[in-house]
Amino acid sequence: MASLPYITATGNIEKALKAIKSAATPDSVSQDFVKTVLGIKGGSGNQITSYLKKIGFAGSDGKPTELYTQFRNPTTSGAAAAAALKVGYGPLYKRNEYMHKLSDSELKGLVIEETGAGDDSTVSSLIVSCISALKKFAKFDGQSVVAAIDVPEETKVPPSGNGLPPANLSQSGLGMNLSYTINLNLPATSDIAVFNAIFKSLKENLLGGGNE
């Protein structure tokens, strides 16, 4: 069962996204940037900093992604927000490819199904509220955007002396761990099944790390 991203003060998502559009792109989406420039103070600012990473707007190092910069572009903003939903809430799209069309009650049921939370779970309600806040900025009209997928830090290994990953590690029984930054040009389509297939393939073939 997946752990889905959420914050406790869900109104700060809309506040942060509006501020991101007006503020210059920073070198790093840091806590200082969120608290000072985006204007979200205290612990709420810490939550927003983490949330922006989980929806693909910033890498694990805090650097703004292509998705971040495309969200600031009026012509691709809606598509970037839609892609952020796919990044942050991909497990829900696996259960229902039209997740963004569900009512709040239907969406909560899907969240409970995915997370295993109880019907009276506060967390489930917060997840639904966060999705609704992000969805306000999203457009599912087939506009193509680039989604930057950041591989978790624990999968990274130092390069070999020639600047390349060590060869034949899988044959030595040590396993192979690589670090990727993938720039994915999504097709201009409104068929969410296409996106499901793309992200499923990426997870299984690049991010899953499975060995034949």
C-alpha atoms as a PDB file:
ATOM      1  CA  MET A   1       0.000   0.000   0.000  1.00  0.00           C
ATOM      2  CA  ALA A   2       1.295   3.447  -0.946  1.00  0.00           C
ATOM      3  CA  SER A   3       1.991   6.447   1.250  1.00  0.00           C
ATOM      4  CA  LEU A   4       0.442   9.440  -0.513  1.00  0.00           C
ATOM      5  CA  PRO A   5       1.686  13.025  -0.003  1.00  0.00           C
ATOM      6  CA  TYR A   6      -0.344  15.472   2.062  1.00  0.00           C
ATOM      7  CA  ILE A   7       0.007  18.513   4.299  1.00  0.00           C
ATOM      8  CA  THR A   8      -2.129  19.515   7.263  1.00  0.00           C
ATOM      9  CA  ALA A   9      -2.856  23.112   6.186  1.00  0.00           C
ATOM     10  CA  THR A  10      -4.148  22.254   2.709  1.00  0.00           C
ATOM     11  CA  GLY A  11      -4.947  25.869   1.819  1.00  0.00           C
ATOM     12  CA  ASN A  12      -1.207  26.509   1.639  1.00  0.00           C
ATOM     13  CA  ILE A  13      -0.974  24.476  -1.567  1.00  0.00           C
ATOM     14  CA  GLU A  14      -3.008  27.041  -3.489  1.00  0.00           C
ATOM     15  CA  LYS A  15      -1.096  29.867  -1.782  1.00  0.00           C
ATOM     16  CA  ALA A  16       2.267  28.312  -2.700  1.00  0.00           C
ATOM     17  CA  LEU A  17       1.374  27.590  -6.315  1.00  0.00           C
ATOM     18  CA  LYS A  18       0.080  31.119  -6.885  1.00  0.00           C
ATOM     19  CA  ALA A  19       3.267  32.538  -5.358  1.00  0.00           C
ATOM     20  CA  ILE A  20       5.438  30.250  -7.491  1.00  0.00           C
ATOM     21  CA  LYS A  21       3.870  31.745 -10.610  1.00  0.00           C
ATOM     22  CA  SER A  22       4.717  35.296  -9.586  1.00  0.00           C
ATOM     23  CA  ALA A  23       8.135  34.743  -7.975  1.00  0.00           C
ATOM     24  CA  ALA A  24      11.335  34.291  -9.958  1.00  0.00           C
ATOM     25  CA  THR A  25      12.577  30.704 -10.248  1.00  0.00           C
ATOM     26  CA  PRO A  26      15.048  30.115  -7.387  1.00  0.00           C
ATOM     27  CA  ASP A  27      18.291  28.179  -7.462  1.00  0.00           C
ATOM     28  CA  SER A  28      16.784  25.939  -4.799  1.00  0.00           C
ATOM     29  CA  VAL A  29      13.269  25.351  -3.504  1.00  0.00           C
ATOM     30  CA  SER A  30      14.553  25.569   0.045  1.00  0.00           C
ATOM     31  CA  GLN A  31      12.752  26.168   3.307  1.00  0.00           C
ATOM     32  CA  ASP A  32      14.075  29.732   3.276  1.00  0.00           C
ATOM     33  CA  PHE A  33      12.579  30.266  -0.190  1.00  0.00           C
ATOM     34  CA  VAL A  34       9.229  28.801   0.813  1.00  0.00           C
ATOM     35  CA  LYS A  35       9.023  30.729   4.077  1.00  0.00           C
ATOM     36  CA  THR A  36      10.400  34.055   2.844  1.00  0.00           C
ATOM     37  CA  VAL A  37       9.465  34.326  -0.833  1.00  0.00           C
ATOM     38  CA  LEU A  38       6.358  32.166  -0.964  1.00  0.00           C
ATOM     39  CA  GLY A  39       5.283  33.510   2.417  1.00  0.00           C
ATOM     40  CA  ILE A  40       4.441  30.219   4.160  1.00  0.00           C
ATOM     41  CA  LYS A  41       5.927  30.369   7.632  1.00  0.00           C
ATOM     42  CA  GLY A  42       6.878  27.900  10.335  1.00  0.00           C
ATOM     43  CA  GLY A  43       6.127  24.210  10.216  1.00  0.00           C
ATOM     44  CA  SER A  44       3.671  24.745   7.368  1.00  0.00           C
ATOM     45  CA  GLY A  45       6.558  26.006   5.256  1.00  0.00           C
ATOM     46  CA  ASN A  46       8.531  22.854   6.023  1.00  0.00           C
ATOM     47  CA  GLN A  47       5.583  20.729   4.878  1.00  0.00           C
ATOM     48  CA  ILE A  48       5.203  22.680   1.627  1.00  0.00           C
ATOM     49  CA  THR A  49       8.922  22.314   0.876  1.00  0.00           C
ATOM     50  CA  SER A  50       8.627  18.547   1.184  1.00  0.00           C
ATOM     51  CA  TYR A  51       5.327  18.449  -0.721  1.00  0.00           C
ATOM     52  CA  LEU A  52       6.765  20.295  -3.728  1.00  0.00           C
ATOM     53  CA  LYS A  53       9.458  17.612  -3.994  1.00  0.00           C
ATOM     54  CA  LYS A  54       6.906  14.809  -3.783  1.00  0.00           C
ATOM     55  CA  ILE A  55       4.823  16.207  -6.665  1.00  0.00           C
ATOM     56  CA  GLY A  56       7.881  16.623  -8.881  1.00  0.00           C
ATOM     57  CA  PHE A  57       8.400  20.389  -8.651  1.00  0.00           C
ATOM     58  CA  ALA A  58      11.828  20.024  -7.020  1.00  0.00           C
ATOM     59  CA  GLY A  59      14.493  17.339  -6.946  1.00  0.00           C
ATOM     60  CA  SER A  60      15.827  15.708  -3.793  1.00  0.00           C
ATOM     61  CA  ASP A  61      18.519  18.422  -3.751  1.00  0.00           C
ATOM     62  CA  GLY A  62      15.875  21.155  -3.917  1.00  0.00           C
ATOM     63  CA  LYS A  63      16.696  22.199  -7.474  1.00  0.00           C
ATOM     64  CA  PRO A  64      13.572  23.253  -9.430  1.00  0.00           C
ATOM     65  CA  THR A  65      12.619  20.718 -12.105  1.00  0.00           C
ATOM     66  CA  GLU A  66      11.384  21.260 -15.640  1.00  0.00           C
ATOM     67  CA  LEU A  67       7.906  20.673 -14.259  1.00  0.00           C
ATOM     68  CA  TYR A  68       8.400  23.653 -11.937  1.00  0.00           C
ATOM     69  CA  THR A  69       9.474  25.998 -14.720  1.00  0.00           C
ATOM     70  CA  GLN A  70       6.724  24.799 -17.048  1.00  0.00           C
ATOM     71  CA  PHE A  71       4.144  25.412 -14.342  1.00  0.00           C
ATOM     72  CA  ARG A  72       5.252  29.058 -14.365  1.00  0.00           C
ATOM     73  CA  ASN A  73       4.678  29.246 -18.130  1.00  0.00           C
ATOM     74  CA  PRO A  74       1.026  30.249 -18.745  1.00  0.00           C
ATOM     75  CA  THR A  75       0.818  28.074 -21.865  1.00  0.00           C
ATOM     76  CA  THR A  76       1.912  24.882 -20.091  1.00  0.00           C
ATOM     77  CA  SER A  77       0.903  25.628 -16.491  1.00  0.00           C
ATOM     78  CA  GLY A  78      -2.265  23.536 -16.483  1.00  0.00           C
ATOM     79  CA  ALA A  79      -0.571  20.557 -18.093  1.00  0.00           C
ATOM     80  CA  ALA A  80       2.322  20.781 -15.625  1.00  0.00           C
ATOM     81  CA  ALA A  81      -0.102  20.701 -12.694  1.00  0.00           C
ATOM     82  CA  ALA A  82      -1.827  17.675 -14.254  1.00  0.00           C
ATOM     83  CA  ALA A  83       1.558  15.957 -14.577  1.00  0.00           C
ATOM     84  CA  ALA A  84       2.310  16.823 -10.930  1.00  0.00           C
ATOM     85  CA  LEU A  85      -0.837  14.950  -9.946  1.00  0.00           C
ATOM     86  CA  LYS A  86       0.492  11.926 -11.822  1.00  0.00           C
ATOM     87  CA  VAL A  87       3.872  12.185 -10.091  1.00  0.00           C
ATOM     88  CA  GLY A  88       2.480  12.626  -6.574  1.00  0.00           C
ATOM     89  CA  TYR A  89      -0.564  10.393  -6.804  1.00  0.00           C
ATOM     90  CA  GLY A  90       0.425   7.814  -9.398  1.00  0.00           C
ATOM     91  CA  PRO A  91      -0.802   4.858  -7.287  1.00  0.00           C
ATOM     92  CA  LEU A  92      -4.336   6.264  -7.385  1.00  0.00           C
ATOM     93  CA  TYR A  93      -4.187   6.556 -11.178  1.00  0.00           C
ATOM     94  CA  LYS A  94      -3.233   2.888 -11.319  1.00  0.00           C
ATOM     95  CA  ARG A  95      -6.488   2.089  -9.548  1.00  0.00           C
ATOM     96  CA  ASN A  96      -8.576   4.506 -11.625  1.00  0.00           C
ATOM     97  CA  GLU A  97      -7.166   6.186 -14.738  1.00  0.00           C
ATOM     98  CA  TYR A  98      -9.789   8.949 -14.367  1.00  0.00           C
ATOM     99  CA  MET A  99      -8.942   9.686 -10.754  1.00  0.00           C
ATOM    100  CA  HIS A 100      -9.093  13.435 -11.347  1.00  0.00           C
ATOM    101  CA  LYS A 101     -12.745  13.142 -12.433  1.00  0.00           C
ATOM    102  CA  LEU A 102     -13.948  11.473  -9.236  1.00  0.00           C
ATOM    103  CA  SER A 103     -16.119  13.242  -6.678  1.00  0.00           C
ATOM    104  CA  ASP A 104     -14.617  13.876  -3.250  1.00  0.00           C
ATOM    105  CA  SER A 105     -16.470  10.927  -1.736  1.00  0.00           C
ATOM    106  CA  GLU A 106     -15.393   8.603  -4.555  1.00  0.00           C
ATOM    107  CA  LEU A 107     -11.820   9.870  -4.294  1.00  0.00           C
ATOM    108  CA  LYS A 108     -11.751   9.288  -0.546  1.00  0.00           C
ATOM    109  CA  GLY A 109     -12.873   5.716  -1.137  1.00  0.00           C
ATOM    110  CA  LEU A 110     -10.008   5.265  -3.593  1.00  0.00           C
ATOM    111  CA  VAL A 111      -7.539   6.730  -1.082  1.00  0.00           C
ATOM    112  CA  ILE A 112      -8.801   4.368   1.629  1.00  0.00           C
ATOM    113  CA  GLU A 113      -8.486   1.465  -0.796  1.00  0.00           C
ATOM    114  CA  GLU A 114      -4.889   2.395  -1.631  1.00  0.00           C
ATOM    115  CA  THR A 115      -3.636   3.322   1.849  1.00  0.00           C
ATOM    116  CA  GLY A 116      -5.648   0.901   3.972  1.00  0.00           C
ATOM    117  CA  ALA A 117      -6.728   3.767   6.256  1.00  0.00           C
ATOM    118  CA  GLY A 118      -9.953   3.676   8.215  1.00  0.00           C
ATOM    119  CA  ASP A 119     -13.119   5.360   6.968  1.00  0.00           C
ATOM    120  CA  ASP A 120     -12.820   8.022   9.654  1.00  0.00           C
ATOM    121  CA  SER A 121      -9.141   8.675   8.944  1.00  0.00           C
ATOM    122  CA  THR A 122      -8.148  12.339   9.073  1.00  0.00           C
ATOM    123  CA  VAL A 123      -5.206  11.609   6.800  1.00  0.00           C
ATOM    124  CA  SER A 124      -7.509  10.309   4.035  1.00  0.00           C
ATOM    125  CA  SER A 125      -9.495  13.547   4.147  1.00  0.00           C
ATOM    126  CA  LEU A 126      -6.309  15.617   4.035  1.00  0.00           C
ATOM    127  CA  ILE A 127      -5.054  13.692   0.993  1.00  0.00           C
ATOM    128  CA  VAL A 128      -8.350  14.346  -0.795  1.00  0.00           C
ATOM    129  CA  SER A 129      -8.130  18.060   0.070  1.00  0.00           C
ATOM    130  CA  CYS A 130      -4.552  18.251  -1.224  1.00  0.00           C
ATOM    131  CA  ILE A 131      -5.531  16.596  -4.500  1.00  0.00           C
ATOM    132  CA  SER A 132      -8.458  18.992  -4.867  1.00  0.00           C
ATOM    133  CA  ALA A 133      -6.179  21.998  -4.264  1.00  0.00           C
ATOM    134  CA  LEU A 134      -3.650  20.848  -6.881  1.00  0.00           C
ATOM    135  CA  LYS A 135      -6.407  19.909  -9.299  1.00  0.00           C
ATOM    136  CA  LYS A 136      -7.630  23.527  -9.358  1.00  0.00           C
ATOM    137  CA  PHE A 137      -4.525  24.400 -11.387  1.00  0.00           C
ATOM    138  CA  ALA A 138      -4.593  21.345 -13.667  1.00  0.00           C
ATOM    139  CA  LYS A 139      -5.811  21.046 -17.242  1.00  0.00           C
ATOM    140  CA  PHE A 140      -6.201  17.686 -18.937  1.00  0.00           C
ATOM    141  CA  ASP A 141      -6.349  18.932 -22.521  1.00  0.00           C
ATOM    142  CA  GLY A 142      -3.401  17.043 -23.988  1.00  0.00           C
ATOM    143  CA  GLN A 143      -0.792  19.823 -23.714  1.00  0.00           C
ATOM    144  CA  SER A 144       2.669  18.235 -23.783  1.00  0.00           C
ATOM    145  CA  VAL A 145       5.056  18.906 -20.896  1.00  0.00           C
ATOM    146  CA  VAL A 146       8.348  17.515 -19.657  1.00  0.00           C
ATOM    147  CA  ALA A 147       8.106  15.569 -16.391  1.00  0.00           C
ATOM    148  CA  ALA A 148      11.352  15.318 -14.442  1.00  0.00           C
ATOM    149  CA  ILE A 149      11.484  12.091 -12.440  1.00  0.00           C
ATOM    150  CA  ASP A 150      13.957  12.149  -9.561  1.00  0.00           C
ATOM    151  CA  VAL A 151      15.297   8.782  -8.457  1.00  0.00           C
ATOM    152  CA  PRO A 152      15.579   8.443  -4.634  1.00  0.00           C
ATOM    153  CA  GLU A 153      19.001   9.214  -3.167  1.00  0.00           C
ATOM    154  CA  GLU A 154      19.457   5.707  -1.790  1.00  0.00           C
ATOM    155  CA  THR A 155      19.710   4.250  -5.303  1.00  0.00           C
ATOM    156  CA  LYS A 156      22.775   6.339  -6.156  1.00  0.00           C
ATOM    157  CA  VAL A 157      26.329   4.938  -6.254  1.00  0.00           C
ATOM    158  CA  PRO A 158      29.659   6.706  -6.864  1.00  0.00           C
ATOM    159  CA  PRO A 159      30.923   6.521 -10.456  1.00  0.00           C
ATOM    160  CA  SER A 160      34.014   4.543 -11.365  1.00  0.00           C
ATOM    161  CA  GLY A 161      37.312   6.253 -12.113  1.00  0.00           C
ATOM    162  CA  ASN A 162      36.424   6.761 -15.777  1.00  0.00           C
ATOM    163  CA  GLY A 163      33.244   8.622 -14.882  1.00  0.00           C
ATOM    164  CA  LEU A 164      31.015   5.657 -15.763  1.00  0.00           C
ATOM    165  CA  PRO A 165      29.081   3.339 -13.435  1.00  0.00           C
ATOM    166  CA  PRO A 166      30.982   0.150 -12.527  1.00  0.00           C
ATOM    167  CA  ALA A 167      30.407  -2.554 -15.140  1.00  0.00           C
ATOM    168  CA  ASN A 168      29.113  -6.099 -14.670  1.00  0.00           C
ATOM    169  CA  LEU A 169      28.062  -5.585 -11.060  1.00  0.00           C
ATOM    170  CA  SER A 170      25.007  -7.771 -11.522  1.00  0.00           C
ATOM    171  CA  GLN A 171      27.251 -10.629 -12.638  1.00  0.00           C
ATOM    172  CA  SER A 172      29.418 -10.258  -9.536  1.00  0.00           C
ATOM    173  CA  GLY A 173      26.380 -10.583  -7.280  1.00  0.00           C
ATOM    174  CA  LEU A 174      26.696  -7.019  -6.009  1.00  0.00           C
ATOM    175  CA  GLY A 175      23.680  -5.680  -7.891  1.00  0.00           C
ATOM    176  CA  MET A 176      23.583  -2.569 -10.021  1.00  0.00           C
ATOM    177  CA  ASN A 177      22.407   0.785  -8.668  1.00  0.00           C
ATOM    178  CA  LEU A 178      22.247   3.773 -10.977  1.00  0.00           C
ATOM    179  CA  SER A 179      21.092   7.367 -10.615  1.00  0.00           C
ATOM    180  CA  TYR A 180      18.854   8.780 -13.334  1.00  0.00           C
ATOM    181  CA  THR A 181      17.350  12.137 -14.135  1.00  0.00           C
ATOM    182  CA  ILE A 182      14.769  11.416 -16.824  1.00  0.00           C
ATOM    183  CA  ASN A 183      13.293  14.152 -18.979  1.00  0.00           C
ATOM    184  CA  LEU A 184      10.129  12.676 -20.395  1.00  0.00           C
ATOM    185  CA  ASN A 185       8.326  14.359 -23.298  1.00  0.00           C
ATOM    186  CA  LEU A 186       4.716  13.396 -22.721  1.00  0.00           C
ATOM    187  CA  PRO A 187       2.567  13.028 -25.861  1.00  0.00           C
ATOM    188  CA  ALA A 188      -0.148  15.534 -26.710  1.00  0.00           C
ATOM    189  CA  THR A 189      -3.119  13.400 -25.764  1.00  0.00           C
ATOM    190  CA  SER A 190      -6.043  13.579 -23.377  1.00  0.00           C
ATOM    191  CA  ASP A 191      -6.143   9.799 -22.993  1.00  0.00           C
ATOM    192  CA  ILE A 192      -4.946   9.175 -19.436  1.00  0.00           C
ATOM    193  CA  ALA A 193      -4.347   5.524 -20.327  1.00  0.00           C
ATOM    194  CA  VAL A 194      -1.370   6.635 -22.408  1.00  0.00           C
ATOM    195  CA  PHE A 195       0.189   8.328 -19.368  1.00  0.00           C
ATOM    196  CA  ASN A 196      -0.564   5.266 -17.226  1.00  0.00           C
ATOM    197  CA  ALA A 197       1.311   3.063 -19.688  1.00  0.00           C
ATOM    198  CA  ILE A 198       4.303   5.439 -19.827  1.00  0.00           C
ATOM    199  CA  PHE A 199       4.718   5.782 -16.067  1.00  0.00           C
ATOM    200  CA  LYS A 200       4.100   2.073 -15.481  1.00  0.00           C
ATOM    201  CA  SER A 201       6.806   1.215 -18.007  1.00  0.00           C
ATOM    202  CA  LEU A 202       9.240   3.664 -16.407  1.00  0.00           C
ATOM    203  CA  LYS A 203       8.603   2.241 -12.963  1.00  0.00           C
ATOM    204  CA  GLU A 204       8.931  -1.383 -14.051  1.00  0.00           C
ATOM    205  CA  ASN A 205      11.911  -0.995 -16.383  1.00  0.00           C
ATOM    206  CA  LEU A 206      13.909   1.884 -14.909  1.00  0.00           C
ATOM    207  CA  LEU A 207      12.817   2.584 -11.360  1.00  0.00           C
ATOM    208  CA  GLY A 208      11.881  -0.888 -10.177  1.00  0.00           C
ATOM    209  CA  GLY A 209      15.404  -2.263 -10.223  1.00  0.00           C
ATOM    210  CA  GLY A 210      14.159  -5.782 -10.863  1.00  0.00           C
ATOM    211  CA  ASN A 211      16.550  -8.404 -12.203  1.00  0.00           C
ATOM    212  CA  GLU A 212      15.558 -10.947 -14.782  1.00  0.00           C
END
